[in-house]
Amino acid sequence: NYTSFIALERVMDLNHPEAISIALEQILELYRGQGMEIYWRDNFTCPSEEEYKQMVKRKTGGLFMLAIRLMQLFSDNKADFTKITGILGLIFQIRDDYINLVSKDYMHHKSYCEDLTEGKFSFPIIHAIHSQAEDKQIIHILRQRTKEIEVKKYCVDLLEKFGSFEYTRQTLKNLEKDAKEELEKLGGNPYMEDFINSLSKT
C-alpha cells in the first residue's frame, strides 16, 4: 500500500533507531486485522462479536497505538496505553459501521450503505445475524453485493426491526464510559476527553 510507504518515509525523518521497527510492527498488526476482515467478507463467514472486536483492535486500534508509541520515544511518559487505544479503535470503527448504514446523506447515491455493496460484516450486521439466527434475509442481501437502493433500504429496516442499531448505540455508550474511566486511571486529560466525546457522537 502506497500510503504505508509514505508513512514509513515520514517515520525515518524522526531519526530514532526504534521508530522504524515500531512502525512496521503496528502496520503489520493493521494488515493482520484487515486480512481477517477480508477473509470473512470473501468467504461469507460471519464472525462472532468477540472476533470482530479483536480484528478492530488490530486494524484500527493499532493505528492509535502507532502514534502513541512513536510519541513515547521522545517522552518520559512510558505508561501502557494499550487498553485505551483498543477502546478508541472500537469506538471509531463501530461508529463508522453505524454511520455507513444510517446516514441519509447518500440515500439517492450509489455510495448509500456502501458496506452492504461490499458484503462487509459490520458491527450492526453481526448483531443481526447472530441475534436472529433463523432469519437468513440479511446474509442473503450481503451475498448479493447489491447496488439497489431499495434492497439496501429494506436491509436497514430489518436492522432497525432486529434492534441492531439500538444495540450498536448502547455499545458505543458503554465504550465511551470505559474510555473515560481508563483515561481517568491514566491521570486524566481534558483534551482527550473532548476527543472521546467527539469520537462517540452518533
N, C-alpha and C. Protein backbone atom coordinates (compact mmCIF):
# COMPACT_ATOMS: atom_id res chain seq x y z
N ASN A 1 0.84 -1.19 0.00
CA ASN A 1 0.00 0.00 0.00
C ASN A 1 0.89 1.26 0.00
N TYR A 2 0.65 2.11 -0.97
CA TYR A 2 1.50 3.29 -1.18
C TYR A 2 1.58 4.19 0.05
N THR A 3 0.42 4.43 0.69
CA THR A 3 0.41 5.33 1.85
C THR A 3 1.24 4.80 3.02
N SER A 4 1.32 3.46 3.13
CA SER A 4 2.15 2.88 4.20
C SER A 4 3.62 3.23 4.01
N PHE A 5 4.06 3.22 2.75
CA PHE A 5 5.46 3.57 2.48
C PHE A 5 5.72 5.05 2.69
N ILE A 6 4.72 5.88 2.39
CA ILE A 6 4.84 7.32 2.66
C ILE A 6 4.97 7.54 4.17
N ALA A 7 4.14 6.80 4.94
CA ALA A 7 4.20 6.91 6.40
C ALA A 7 5.57 6.49 6.93
N LEU A 8 6.10 5.38 6.39
CA LEU A 8 7.43 4.92 6.82
C LEU A 8 8.51 5.93 6.49
N GLU A 9 8.34 6.59 5.35
CA GLU A 9 9.30 7.64 4.96
C GLU A 9 9.31 8.76 6.00
N ARG A 10 8.10 9.12 6.47
CA ARG A 10 7.99 10.18 7.49
C ARG A 10 8.60 9.70 8.82
N VAL A 11 8.39 8.43 9.13
CA VAL A 11 8.93 7.87 10.37
C VAL A 11 10.46 7.91 10.35
N MET A 12 11.04 7.65 9.21
CA MET A 12 12.50 7.71 9.08
C MET A 12 13.04 9.11 9.41
N ASP A 13 12.22 10.12 9.10
CA ASP A 13 12.62 11.51 9.38
C ASP A 13 12.73 11.79 10.87
N LEU A 14 12.15 10.91 11.71
CA LEU A 14 12.23 11.10 13.16
C LEU A 14 13.65 10.85 13.69
N ASN A 15 14.44 10.15 12.90
CA ASN A 15 15.84 9.87 13.27
C ASN A 15 15.98 9.20 14.65
N HIS A 16 15.14 8.18 14.87
CA HIS A 16 15.23 7.42 16.12
C HIS A 16 15.42 5.95 15.75
N PRO A 17 16.38 5.26 16.37
CA PRO A 17 16.68 3.88 15.98
C PRO A 17 15.52 2.89 16.12
N GLU A 18 14.57 3.17 17.03
CA GLU A 18 13.45 2.24 17.25
C GLU A 18 12.22 2.59 16.42
N ALA A 19 12.21 3.75 15.80
CA ALA A 19 10.99 4.25 15.14
C ALA A 19 10.51 3.32 14.02
N ILE A 20 11.42 2.89 13.16
CA ILE A 20 11.02 2.05 12.03
C ILE A 20 10.46 0.71 12.49
N SER A 21 11.11 0.07 13.48
CA SER A 21 10.63 -1.24 13.94
C SER A 21 9.24 -1.11 14.58
N ILE A 22 9.00 -0.01 15.31
CA ILE A 22 7.67 0.22 15.90
C ILE A 22 6.64 0.40 14.80
N ALA A 23 6.97 1.22 13.81
CA ALA A 23 6.04 1.47 12.70
C ALA A 23 5.71 0.18 11.96
N LEU A 24 6.72 -0.63 11.69
CA LEU A 24 6.50 -1.89 10.98
C LEU A 24 5.63 -2.85 11.80
N GLU A 25 5.88 -2.92 13.11
CA GLU A 25 5.06 -3.78 13.99
C GLU A 25 3.59 -3.40 13.91
N GLN A 26 3.32 -2.10 14.03
CA GLN A 26 1.93 -1.64 14.07
C GLN A 26 1.27 -1.72 12.70
N ILE A 27 2.02 -1.48 11.64
CA ILE A 27 1.45 -1.60 10.29
C ILE A 27 1.13 -3.06 9.98
N LEU A 28 2.00 -3.98 10.44
CA LEU A 28 1.71 -5.41 10.27
C LEU A 28 0.45 -5.82 11.03
N GLU A 29 0.27 -5.27 12.24
CA GLU A 29 -0.95 -5.54 13.00
C GLU A 29 -2.18 -5.06 12.23
N LEU A 30 -2.06 -3.87 11.64
CA LEU A 30 -3.16 -3.32 10.84
C LEU A 30 -3.53 -4.29 9.72
N TYR A 31 -2.51 -4.78 8.99
CA TYR A 31 -2.77 -5.67 7.87
C TYR A 31 -3.31 -7.03 8.32
N ARG A 32 -2.88 -7.49 9.50
CA ARG A 32 -3.43 -8.74 10.04
C ARG A 32 -4.93 -8.59 10.31
N GLY A 33 -5.29 -7.45 10.92
CA GLY A 33 -6.70 -7.18 11.18
C GLY A 33 -7.48 -7.04 9.89
N GLN A 34 -6.92 -6.32 8.94
CA GLN A 34 -7.57 -6.13 7.64
C GLN A 34 -7.75 -7.47 6.92
N GLY A 35 -6.74 -8.33 7.06
CA GLY A 35 -6.81 -9.66 6.44
C GLY A 35 -7.95 -10.49 6.99
N MET A 36 -8.18 -10.40 8.31
CA MET A 36 -9.29 -11.12 8.93
C MET A 36 -10.62 -10.64 8.35
N GLU A 37 -10.75 -9.32 8.23
CA GLU A 37 -11.99 -8.72 7.72
C GLU A 37 -12.24 -9.15 6.27
N ILE A 38 -11.21 -9.15 5.46
CA ILE A 38 -11.34 -9.55 4.05
C ILE A 38 -11.68 -11.03 3.94
N TYR A 39 -11.07 -11.85 4.80
CA TYR A 39 -11.36 -13.29 4.79
C TYR A 39 -12.84 -13.54 5.09
N TRP A 40 -13.36 -12.89 6.13
CA TRP A 40 -14.78 -13.06 6.47
C TRP A 40 -15.67 -12.65 5.31
N ARG A 41 -15.35 -11.51 4.72
CA ARG A 41 -16.17 -10.98 3.62
C ARG A 41 -16.15 -11.92 2.42
N ASP A 42 -14.96 -12.35 2.01
CA ASP A 42 -14.84 -13.15 0.78
C ASP A 42 -15.31 -14.59 0.95
N ASN A 43 -15.37 -15.07 2.19
CA ASN A 43 -15.83 -16.45 2.45
C ASN A 43 -17.23 -16.49 3.06
N PHE A 44 -17.89 -15.34 3.12
CA PHE A 44 -19.23 -15.23 3.71
C PHE A 44 -19.29 -15.91 5.07
N THR A 45 -18.28 -15.62 5.89
CA THR A 45 -18.20 -16.17 7.24
C THR A 45 -18.45 -15.06 8.24
N CYS A 46 -19.56 -15.15 8.95
CA CYS A 46 -19.89 -14.11 9.92
C CYS A 46 -19.12 -14.35 11.22
N PRO A 47 -18.27 -13.40 11.62
CA PRO A 47 -17.51 -13.57 12.86
C PRO A 47 -18.41 -13.37 14.08
N SER A 48 -17.93 -13.82 15.22
CA SER A 48 -18.61 -13.50 16.47
C SER A 48 -18.29 -12.05 16.83
N GLU A 49 -19.02 -11.50 17.77
CA GLU A 49 -18.75 -10.12 18.20
C GLU A 49 -17.33 -10.02 18.77
N GLU A 50 -16.91 -11.03 19.51
CA GLU A 50 -15.57 -11.01 20.10
C GLU A 50 -14.49 -11.07 19.03
N GLU A 51 -14.70 -11.88 18.00
CA GLU A 51 -13.74 -11.95 16.89
C GLU A 51 -13.65 -10.60 16.17
N TYR A 52 -14.81 -9.98 15.98
CA TYR A 52 -14.85 -8.65 15.36
C TYR A 52 -14.04 -7.65 16.18
N LYS A 53 -14.23 -7.68 17.50
CA LYS A 53 -13.52 -6.73 18.36
C LYS A 53 -12.01 -6.95 18.32
N GLN A 54 -11.59 -8.20 18.27
CA GLN A 54 -10.16 -8.49 18.18
C GLN A 54 -9.59 -7.97 16.86
N MET A 55 -10.36 -8.13 15.79
CA MET A 55 -9.94 -7.63 14.48
C MET A 55 -9.78 -6.11 14.51
N VAL A 56 -10.76 -5.42 15.09
CA VAL A 56 -10.73 -3.95 15.13
C VAL A 56 -9.56 -3.45 15.97
N LYS A 57 -9.30 -4.12 17.08
CA LYS A 57 -8.17 -3.70 17.93
C LYS A 57 -6.86 -3.78 17.16
N ARG A 58 -6.77 -4.73 16.26
CA ARG A 58 -5.56 -4.84 15.44
C ARG A 58 -5.57 -3.79 14.32
N LYS A 59 -6.69 -3.69 13.63
CA LYS A 59 -6.75 -2.84 12.44
C LYS A 59 -6.80 -1.35 12.78
N THR A 60 -7.73 -0.97 13.62
CA THR A 60 -7.94 0.45 13.93
C THR A 60 -7.20 0.87 15.19
N GLY A 61 -7.29 0.05 16.24
CA GLY A 61 -6.58 0.37 17.48
C GLY A 61 -5.08 0.42 17.26
N GLY A 62 -4.60 -0.38 16.32
CA GLY A 62 -3.17 -0.40 16.01
C GLY A 62 -2.66 0.93 15.50
N LEU A 63 -3.51 1.66 14.79
CA LEU A 63 -3.11 2.98 14.28
C LEU A 63 -2.97 3.99 15.42
N PHE A 64 -3.91 3.94 16.37
CA PHE A 64 -3.79 4.80 17.55
C PHE A 64 -2.51 4.46 18.32
N MET A 65 -2.24 3.15 18.43
CA MET A 65 -1.06 2.70 19.16
C MET A 65 0.22 3.12 18.46
N LEU A 66 0.21 3.15 17.15
CA LEU A 66 1.38 3.59 16.38
C LEU A 66 1.75 5.01 16.76
N ALA A 67 0.75 5.89 16.76
CA ALA A 67 1.01 7.30 17.10
C ALA A 67 1.55 7.43 18.52
N ILE A 68 0.94 6.70 19.46
CA ILE A 68 1.36 6.80 20.87
C ILE A 68 2.76 6.25 21.07
N ARG A 69 3.05 5.10 20.49
CA ARG A 69 4.38 4.50 20.67
C ARG A 69 5.49 5.38 20.07
N LEU A 70 5.19 6.03 18.95
CA LEU A 70 6.19 6.93 18.36
C LEU A 70 6.40 8.16 19.23
N MET A 71 5.31 8.69 19.79
CA MET A 71 5.46 9.85 20.68
C MET A 71 6.22 9.49 21.95
N GLN A 72 6.00 8.26 22.43
CA GLN A 72 6.68 7.83 23.66
C GLN A 72 8.20 7.72 23.49
N LEU A 73 8.64 7.58 22.25
CA LEU A 73 10.09 7.54 22.01
C LEU A 73 10.76 8.85 22.43
N PHE A 74 9.97 9.93 22.42
CA PHE A 74 10.51 11.25 22.73
C PHE A 74 9.91 11.82 24.01
N SER A 75 9.35 10.93 24.84
CA SER A 75 8.67 11.37 26.06
C SER A 75 9.13 10.55 27.26
N ASP A 76 9.02 11.15 28.44
CA ASP A 76 9.31 10.42 29.68
C ASP A 76 8.11 9.59 30.13
N ASN A 77 6.95 9.83 29.52
CA ASN A 77 5.74 9.09 29.87
C ASN A 77 5.75 7.73 29.16
N LYS A 78 5.99 6.68 29.92
CA LYS A 78 6.05 5.33 29.35
C LYS A 78 4.86 4.48 29.80
N ALA A 79 3.76 5.13 30.14
CA ALA A 79 2.56 4.40 30.60
C ALA A 79 2.06 3.45 29.50
N ASP A 80 1.33 2.43 29.93
CA ASP A 80 0.77 1.46 28.98
C ASP A 80 -0.59 1.95 28.50
N PHE A 81 -0.65 2.34 27.23
CA PHE A 81 -1.88 2.88 26.65
C PHE A 81 -2.61 1.84 25.80
N THR A 82 -2.21 0.57 25.93
CA THR A 82 -2.79 -0.48 25.07
C THR A 82 -4.31 -0.57 25.22
N LYS A 83 -4.79 -0.54 26.47
CA LYS A 83 -6.23 -0.71 26.70
C LYS A 83 -7.03 0.44 26.11
N ILE A 84 -6.60 1.68 26.36
CA ILE A 84 -7.39 2.81 25.87
C ILE A 84 -7.34 2.92 24.35
N THR A 85 -6.21 2.56 23.74
CA THR A 85 -6.16 2.61 22.27
C THR A 85 -7.08 1.55 21.66
N GLY A 86 -7.18 0.40 22.33
CA GLY A 86 -8.11 -0.63 21.86
C GLY A 86 -9.55 -0.15 21.93
N ILE A 87 -9.89 0.53 23.02
CA ILE A 87 -11.25 1.06 23.19
C ILE A 87 -11.53 2.14 22.15
N LEU A 88 -10.58 3.04 21.95
CA LEU A 88 -10.75 4.11 20.96
C LEU A 88 -10.91 3.54 19.55
N GLY A 89 -10.14 2.50 19.26
CA GLY A 89 -10.27 1.84 17.96
C GLY A 89 -11.66 1.27 17.76
N LEU A 90 -12.20 0.65 18.82
CA LEU A 90 -13.56 0.09 18.75
C LEU A 90 -14.60 1.18 18.55
N ILE A 91 -14.48 2.28 19.30
CA ILE A 91 -15.43 3.39 19.14
C ILE A 91 -15.40 3.90 17.71
N PHE A 92 -14.20 4.14 17.20
CA PHE A 92 -14.04 4.69 15.85
C PHE A 92 -14.67 3.76 14.81
N GLN A 93 -14.35 2.46 14.88
CA GLN A 93 -14.81 1.53 13.86
C GLN A 93 -16.30 1.23 13.96
N ILE A 94 -16.80 1.03 15.18
CA ILE A 94 -18.23 0.72 15.35
C ILE A 94 -19.08 1.91 14.94
N ARG A 95 -18.63 3.11 15.30
CA ARG A 95 -19.36 4.31 14.88
C ARG A 95 -19.35 4.43 13.36
N ASP A 96 -18.21 4.15 12.74
CA ASP A 96 -18.09 4.21 11.28
C ASP A 96 -19.04 3.21 10.63
N ASP A 97 -19.11 2.00 11.19
CA ASP A 97 -20.04 0.98 10.68
C ASP A 97 -21.49 1.46 10.80
N TYR A 98 -21.80 2.06 11.93
CA TYR A 98 -23.16 2.54 12.21
C TYR A 98 -23.55 3.66 11.24
N ILE A 99 -22.67 4.66 11.12
CA ILE A 99 -22.96 5.81 10.25
C ILE A 99 -23.13 5.37 8.81
N ASN A 100 -22.34 4.41 8.36
CA ASN A 100 -22.44 3.94 6.98
C ASN A 100 -23.84 3.43 6.66
N LEU A 101 -24.51 2.86 7.67
CA LEU A 101 -25.82 2.26 7.44
C LEU A 101 -26.99 3.20 7.74
N VAL A 102 -26.79 4.20 8.56
CA VAL A 102 -27.91 5.07 8.94
C VAL A 102 -27.87 6.46 8.31
N SER A 103 -26.73 6.84 7.74
CA SER A 103 -26.60 8.18 7.17
C SER A 103 -27.56 8.36 5.99
N LYS A 104 -28.28 9.48 6.00
CA LYS A 104 -29.22 9.79 4.91
C LYS A 104 -28.55 10.63 3.81
N ASP A 105 -27.30 11.02 4.04
CA ASP A 105 -26.62 11.93 3.11
C ASP A 105 -26.51 11.37 1.70
N TYR A 106 -26.36 10.06 1.59
CA TYR A 106 -26.14 9.45 0.28
C TYR A 106 -27.29 8.53 -0.13
N MET A 107 -28.49 8.78 0.42
CA MET A 107 -29.60 7.87 0.21
C MET A 107 -29.93 7.65 -1.27
N HIS A 108 -29.71 8.68 -2.10
CA HIS A 108 -30.03 8.55 -3.52
C HIS A 108 -28.76 8.46 -4.36
N HIS A 109 -27.69 8.06 -3.71
CA HIS A 109 -26.39 7.97 -4.38
C HIS A 109 -25.88 6.54 -4.29
N LYS A 110 -25.04 6.14 -5.24
CA LYS A 110 -24.56 4.75 -5.27
C LYS A 110 -23.76 4.37 -4.02
N SER A 111 -23.22 5.37 -3.30
CA SER A 111 -22.43 5.07 -2.10
C SER A 111 -23.29 4.88 -0.85
N TYR A 112 -24.62 4.97 -0.99
CA TYR A 112 -25.52 4.73 0.14
C TYR A 112 -25.33 3.29 0.65
N CYS A 113 -25.12 3.16 1.95
CA CYS A 113 -24.91 1.84 2.57
C CYS A 113 -23.86 1.03 1.81
N GLU A 114 -22.74 1.65 1.58
CA GLU A 114 -21.66 1.05 0.79
C GLU A 114 -21.19 -0.29 1.37
N ASP A 115 -21.27 -0.42 2.70
CA ASP A 115 -20.82 -1.66 3.34
C ASP A 115 -21.65 -2.87 2.88
N LEU A 116 -22.92 -2.62 2.53
CA LEU A 116 -23.77 -3.72 2.05
C LEU A 116 -23.33 -4.15 0.65
N THR A 117 -22.99 -3.19 -0.18
CA THR A 117 -22.49 -3.50 -1.53
C THR A 117 -21.17 -4.26 -1.46
N GLU A 118 -20.37 -3.90 -0.46
CA GLU A 118 -19.06 -4.54 -0.28
C GLU A 118 -19.21 -5.95 0.31
N GLY A 119 -20.36 -6.21 0.94
CA GLY A 119 -20.56 -7.50 1.61
C GLY A 119 -19.85 -7.59 2.94
N LYS A 120 -19.71 -6.44 3.58
CA LYS A 120 -18.92 -6.36 4.82
C LYS A 120 -19.73 -6.77 6.05
N PHE A 121 -19.09 -7.56 6.91
CA PHE A 121 -19.71 -7.94 8.18
C PHE A 121 -19.40 -6.85 9.21
N SER A 122 -20.21 -5.79 9.18
CA SER A 122 -20.02 -4.68 10.11
C SER A 122 -20.72 -4.99 11.43
N PHE A 123 -20.51 -4.14 12.43
CA PHE A 123 -21.00 -4.43 13.78
C PHE A 123 -22.52 -4.65 13.85
N PRO A 124 -23.35 -3.75 13.28
CA PRO A 124 -24.80 -3.98 13.34
C PRO A 124 -25.22 -5.25 12.59
N ILE A 125 -24.54 -5.53 11.49
CA ILE A 125 -24.85 -6.73 10.70
C ILE A 125 -24.55 -7.99 11.51
N ILE A 126 -23.42 -8.01 12.18
CA ILE A 126 -23.03 -9.17 13.00
C ILE A 126 -24.06 -9.41 14.10
N HIS A 127 -24.50 -8.32 14.75
CA HIS A 127 -25.52 -8.45 15.80
C HIS A 127 -26.79 -9.06 15.23
N ALA A 128 -27.24 -8.53 14.09
CA ALA A 128 -28.50 -9.00 13.49
C ALA A 128 -28.42 -10.48 13.12
N ILE A 129 -27.32 -10.88 12.51
CA ILE A 129 -27.18 -12.28 12.07
C ILE A 129 -27.17 -13.24 13.25
N HIS A 130 -26.48 -12.86 14.33
CA HIS A 130 -26.39 -13.76 15.49
C HIS A 130 -27.64 -13.71 16.37
N SER A 131 -28.29 -12.56 16.44
CA SER A 131 -29.48 -12.45 17.30
C SER A 131 -30.73 -13.00 16.62
N GLN A 132 -30.69 -13.08 15.29
CA GLN A 132 -31.84 -13.60 14.52
C GLN A 132 -31.34 -14.75 13.65
N ALA A 133 -30.83 -15.77 14.30
CA ALA A 133 -30.16 -16.87 13.58
C ALA A 133 -31.07 -17.58 12.58
N GLU A 134 -32.39 -17.58 12.84
CA GLU A 134 -33.32 -18.28 11.94
C GLU A 134 -33.65 -17.45 10.71
N ASP A 135 -33.43 -16.15 10.78
CA ASP A 135 -33.77 -15.26 9.66
C ASP A 135 -32.53 -15.06 8.79
N LYS A 136 -32.59 -15.54 7.56
CA LYS A 136 -31.42 -15.51 6.66
C LYS A 136 -31.45 -14.33 5.68
N GLN A 137 -32.40 -13.41 5.86
CA GLN A 137 -32.55 -12.33 4.87
C GLN A 137 -31.30 -11.45 4.75
N ILE A 138 -30.72 -11.08 5.88
CA ILE A 138 -29.57 -10.17 5.85
C ILE A 138 -28.36 -10.83 5.22
N ILE A 139 -28.10 -12.08 5.56
CA ILE A 139 -26.94 -12.77 4.97
C ILE A 139 -27.13 -12.94 3.47
N HIS A 140 -28.38 -13.14 3.03
CA HIS A 140 -28.66 -13.26 1.59
C HIS A 140 -28.42 -11.92 0.89
N ILE A 141 -28.80 -10.83 1.54
CA ILE A 141 -28.57 -9.50 0.95
C ILE A 141 -27.07 -9.22 0.84
N LEU A 142 -26.31 -9.59 1.87
CA LEU A 142 -24.85 -9.40 1.83
C LEU A 142 -24.24 -10.18 0.67
N ARG A 143 -24.71 -11.40 0.45
CA ARG A 143 -24.18 -12.25 -0.62
C ARG A 143 -24.40 -11.62 -2.00
N GLN A 144 -25.48 -10.85 -2.12
CA GLN A 144 -25.80 -10.23 -3.42
C GLN A 144 -24.83 -9.12 -3.81
N ARG A 145 -24.17 -8.52 -2.80
CA ARG A 145 -23.33 -7.33 -3.06
C ARG A 145 -24.14 -6.29 -3.84
N THR A 146 -25.35 -6.07 -3.39
CA THR A 146 -26.31 -5.27 -4.14
C THR A 146 -25.95 -3.79 -4.23
N LYS A 147 -26.33 -3.19 -5.35
CA LYS A 147 -26.22 -1.74 -5.52
C LYS A 147 -27.60 -1.10 -5.55
N GLU A 148 -28.63 -1.95 -5.42
CA GLU A 148 -30.02 -1.47 -5.48
C GLU A 148 -30.39 -0.74 -4.19
N ILE A 149 -30.78 0.52 -4.34
CA ILE A 149 -31.13 1.36 -3.19
C ILE A 149 -32.28 0.75 -2.38
N GLU A 150 -33.31 0.26 -3.05
CA GLU A 150 -34.47 -0.28 -2.35
C GLU A 150 -34.13 -1.52 -1.53
N VAL A 151 -33.25 -2.35 -2.05
CA VAL A 151 -32.82 -3.54 -1.31
C VAL A 151 -32.05 -3.12 -0.06
N LYS A 152 -31.21 -2.11 -0.22
CA LYS A 152 -30.43 -1.60 0.92
C LYS A 152 -31.36 -1.00 1.98
N LYS A 153 -32.36 -0.24 1.53
CA LYS A 153 -33.32 0.35 2.48
C LYS A 153 -34.05 -0.75 3.25
N TYR A 154 -34.39 -1.83 2.54
CA TYR A 154 -35.07 -2.95 3.19
C TYR A 154 -34.18 -3.57 4.26
N CYS A 155 -32.90 -3.71 3.94
CA CYS A 155 -31.95 -4.28 4.91
C CYS A 155 -31.82 -3.37 6.14
N VAL A 156 -31.78 -2.07 5.90
CA VAL A 156 -31.71 -1.10 7.01
C VAL A 156 -32.95 -1.22 7.90
N ASP A 157 -34.11 -1.40 7.28
CA ASP A 157 -35.35 -1.58 8.04
C ASP A 157 -35.28 -2.85 8.91
N LEU A 158 -34.70 -3.90 8.35
CA LEU A 158 -34.53 -5.15 9.12
C LEU A 158 -33.62 -4.93 10.32
N LEU A 159 -32.53 -4.21 10.11
CA LEU A 159 -31.59 -3.94 11.20
C LEU A 159 -32.25 -3.13 12.32
N GLU A 160 -33.13 -2.22 11.93
CA GLU A 160 -33.88 -1.43 12.92
C GLU A 160 -34.85 -2.35 13.66
N LYS A 161 -35.55 -3.17 12.92
CA LYS A 161 -36.54 -4.09 13.49
C LYS A 161 -35.88 -5.10 14.45
N PHE A 162 -34.70 -5.57 14.11
CA PHE A 162 -34.00 -6.56 14.94
C PHE A 162 -33.29 -5.94 16.15
N GLY A 163 -33.36 -4.61 16.27
CA GLY A 163 -32.74 -3.93 17.41
C GLY A 163 -31.22 -3.77 17.29
N SER A 164 -30.71 -3.97 16.09
CA SER A 164 -29.25 -3.93 15.90
C SER A 164 -28.68 -2.52 16.01
N PHE A 165 -29.44 -1.52 15.57
CA PHE A 165 -28.97 -0.14 15.69
C PHE A 165 -28.98 0.31 17.15
N GLU A 166 -30.03 -0.07 17.86
CA GLU A 166 -30.12 0.28 19.29
C GLU A 166 -28.98 -0.39 20.06
N TYR A 167 -28.72 -1.64 19.73
CA TYR A 167 -27.62 -2.37 20.37
C TYR A 167 -26.28 -1.69 20.08
N THR A 168 -26.11 -1.22 18.85
CA THR A 168 -24.87 -0.53 18.47
C THR A 168 -24.71 0.77 19.24
N ARG A 169 -25.80 1.54 19.34
CA ARG A 169 -25.74 2.81 20.09
C ARG A 169 -25.40 2.56 21.55
N GLN A 170 -25.99 1.53 22.14
CA GLN A 170 -25.72 1.22 23.55
C GLN A 170 -24.28 0.75 23.73
N THR A 171 -23.78 -0.01 22.78
CA THR A 171 -22.38 -0.46 22.83
C THR A 171 -21.44 0.73 22.79
N LEU A 172 -21.74 1.70 21.94
CA LEU A 172 -20.91 2.90 21.85
C LEU A 172 -20.92 3.69 23.16
N LYS A 173 -22.10 3.78 23.80
CA LYS A 173 -22.19 4.48 25.09
C LYS A 173 -21.33 3.77 26.14
N ASN A 174 -21.39 2.45 26.15
CA ASN A 174 -20.60 1.67 27.12
C ASN A 174 -19.10 1.85 26.87
N LEU A 175 -18.71 1.86 25.60
CA LEU A 175 -17.30 2.04 25.25
C LEU A 175 -16.81 3.44 25.61
N GLU A 176 -17.69 4.43 25.41
CA GLU A 176 -17.34 5.81 25.79
C GLU A 176 -17.07 5.89 27.30
N LYS A 177 -17.94 5.24 28.07
CA LYS A 177 -17.78 5.20 29.53
C LYS A 177 -16.46 4.50 29.89
N ASP A 178 -16.19 3.37 29.24
CA ASP A 178 -14.95 2.62 29.50
C ASP A 178 -13.72 3.47 29.17
N ALA A 179 -13.79 4.19 28.07
CA ALA A 179 -12.65 5.02 27.64
C ALA A 179 -12.38 6.13 28.65
N LYS A 180 -13.44 6.75 29.15
CA LYS A 180 -13.27 7.84 30.12
C LYS A 180 -12.73 7.31 31.46
N GLU A 181 -13.19 6.13 31.85
CA GLU A 181 -12.68 5.52 33.09
C GLU A 181 -11.19 5.19 32.95
N GLU A 182 -10.82 4.67 31.80
CA GLU A 182 -9.41 4.33 31.56
C GLU A 182 -8.56 5.60 31.50
N LEU A 183 -9.11 6.65 30.90
CA LEU A 183 -8.41 7.93 30.82
C LEU A 183 -8.15 8.48 32.21
N GLU A 184 -9.14 8.33 33.09
CA GLU A 184 -9.00 8.80 34.48
C GLU A 184 -7.88 8.05 35.19
N LYS A 185 -7.81 6.74 34.95
CA LYS A 185 -6.74 5.93 35.56
C LYS A 185 -5.36 6.37 35.09
N LEU A 186 -5.31 6.89 33.86
CA LEU A 186 -4.03 7.33 33.29
C LEU A 186 -3.67 8.76 33.68
N GLY A 187 -4.53 9.37 34.52
CA GLY A 187 -4.23 10.72 35.01
C GLY A 187 -5.14 11.80 34.49
N GLY A 188 -6.04 11.45 33.57
CA GLY A 188 -6.99 12.43 33.04
C GLY A 188 -6.37 13.38 32.05
N ASN A 189 -7.21 13.90 31.16
CA ASN A 189 -6.76 14.86 30.16
C ASN A 189 -8.00 15.47 29.51
N PRO A 190 -8.28 16.78 29.76
CA PRO A 190 -9.50 17.39 29.23
C PRO A 190 -9.56 17.38 27.70
N TYR A 191 -8.42 17.51 27.04
CA TYR A 191 -8.40 17.50 25.58
C TYR A 191 -8.76 16.11 25.05
N MET A 192 -8.23 15.11 25.74
CA MET A 192 -8.53 13.73 25.34
C MET A 192 -9.99 13.39 25.60
N GLU A 193 -10.54 13.94 26.68
CA GLU A 193 -11.95 13.71 26.98
C GLU A 193 -12.83 14.33 25.89
N ASP A 194 -12.47 15.52 25.43
CA ASP A 194 -13.19 16.15 24.33
C ASP A 194 -13.11 15.30 23.07
N PHE A 195 -11.93 14.72 22.84
CA PHE A 195 -11.73 13.86 21.67
C PHE A 195 -12.63 12.63 21.75
N ILE A 196 -12.72 12.03 22.94
CA ILE A 196 -13.58 10.86 23.13
C ILE A 196 -15.04 11.24 22.88
N ASN A 197 -15.45 12.41 23.39
CA ASN A 197 -16.83 12.88 23.18
C ASN A 197 -17.15 13.03 21.69
N SER A 198 -16.22 13.64 20.95
CA SER A 198 -16.45 13.87 19.52
C SER A 198 -16.41 12.55 18.74
N LEU A 199 -15.56 11.64 19.17
CA LEU A 199 -15.43 10.34 18.51
C LEU A 199 -16.68 9.49 18.69
N SER A 200 -17.37 9.70 19.82
CA SER A 200 -18.52 8.85 20.17
C SER A 200 -19.84 9.35 19.61
N LYS A 201 -19.85 10.55 19.04
CA LYS A 201 -21.11 11.13 18.57
C LYS A 201 -21.73 10.30 17.45
N THR A 202 -23.04 10.04 17.59
CA THR A 202 -23.76 9.33 16.54
C THR A 202 -24.89 10.20 15.99
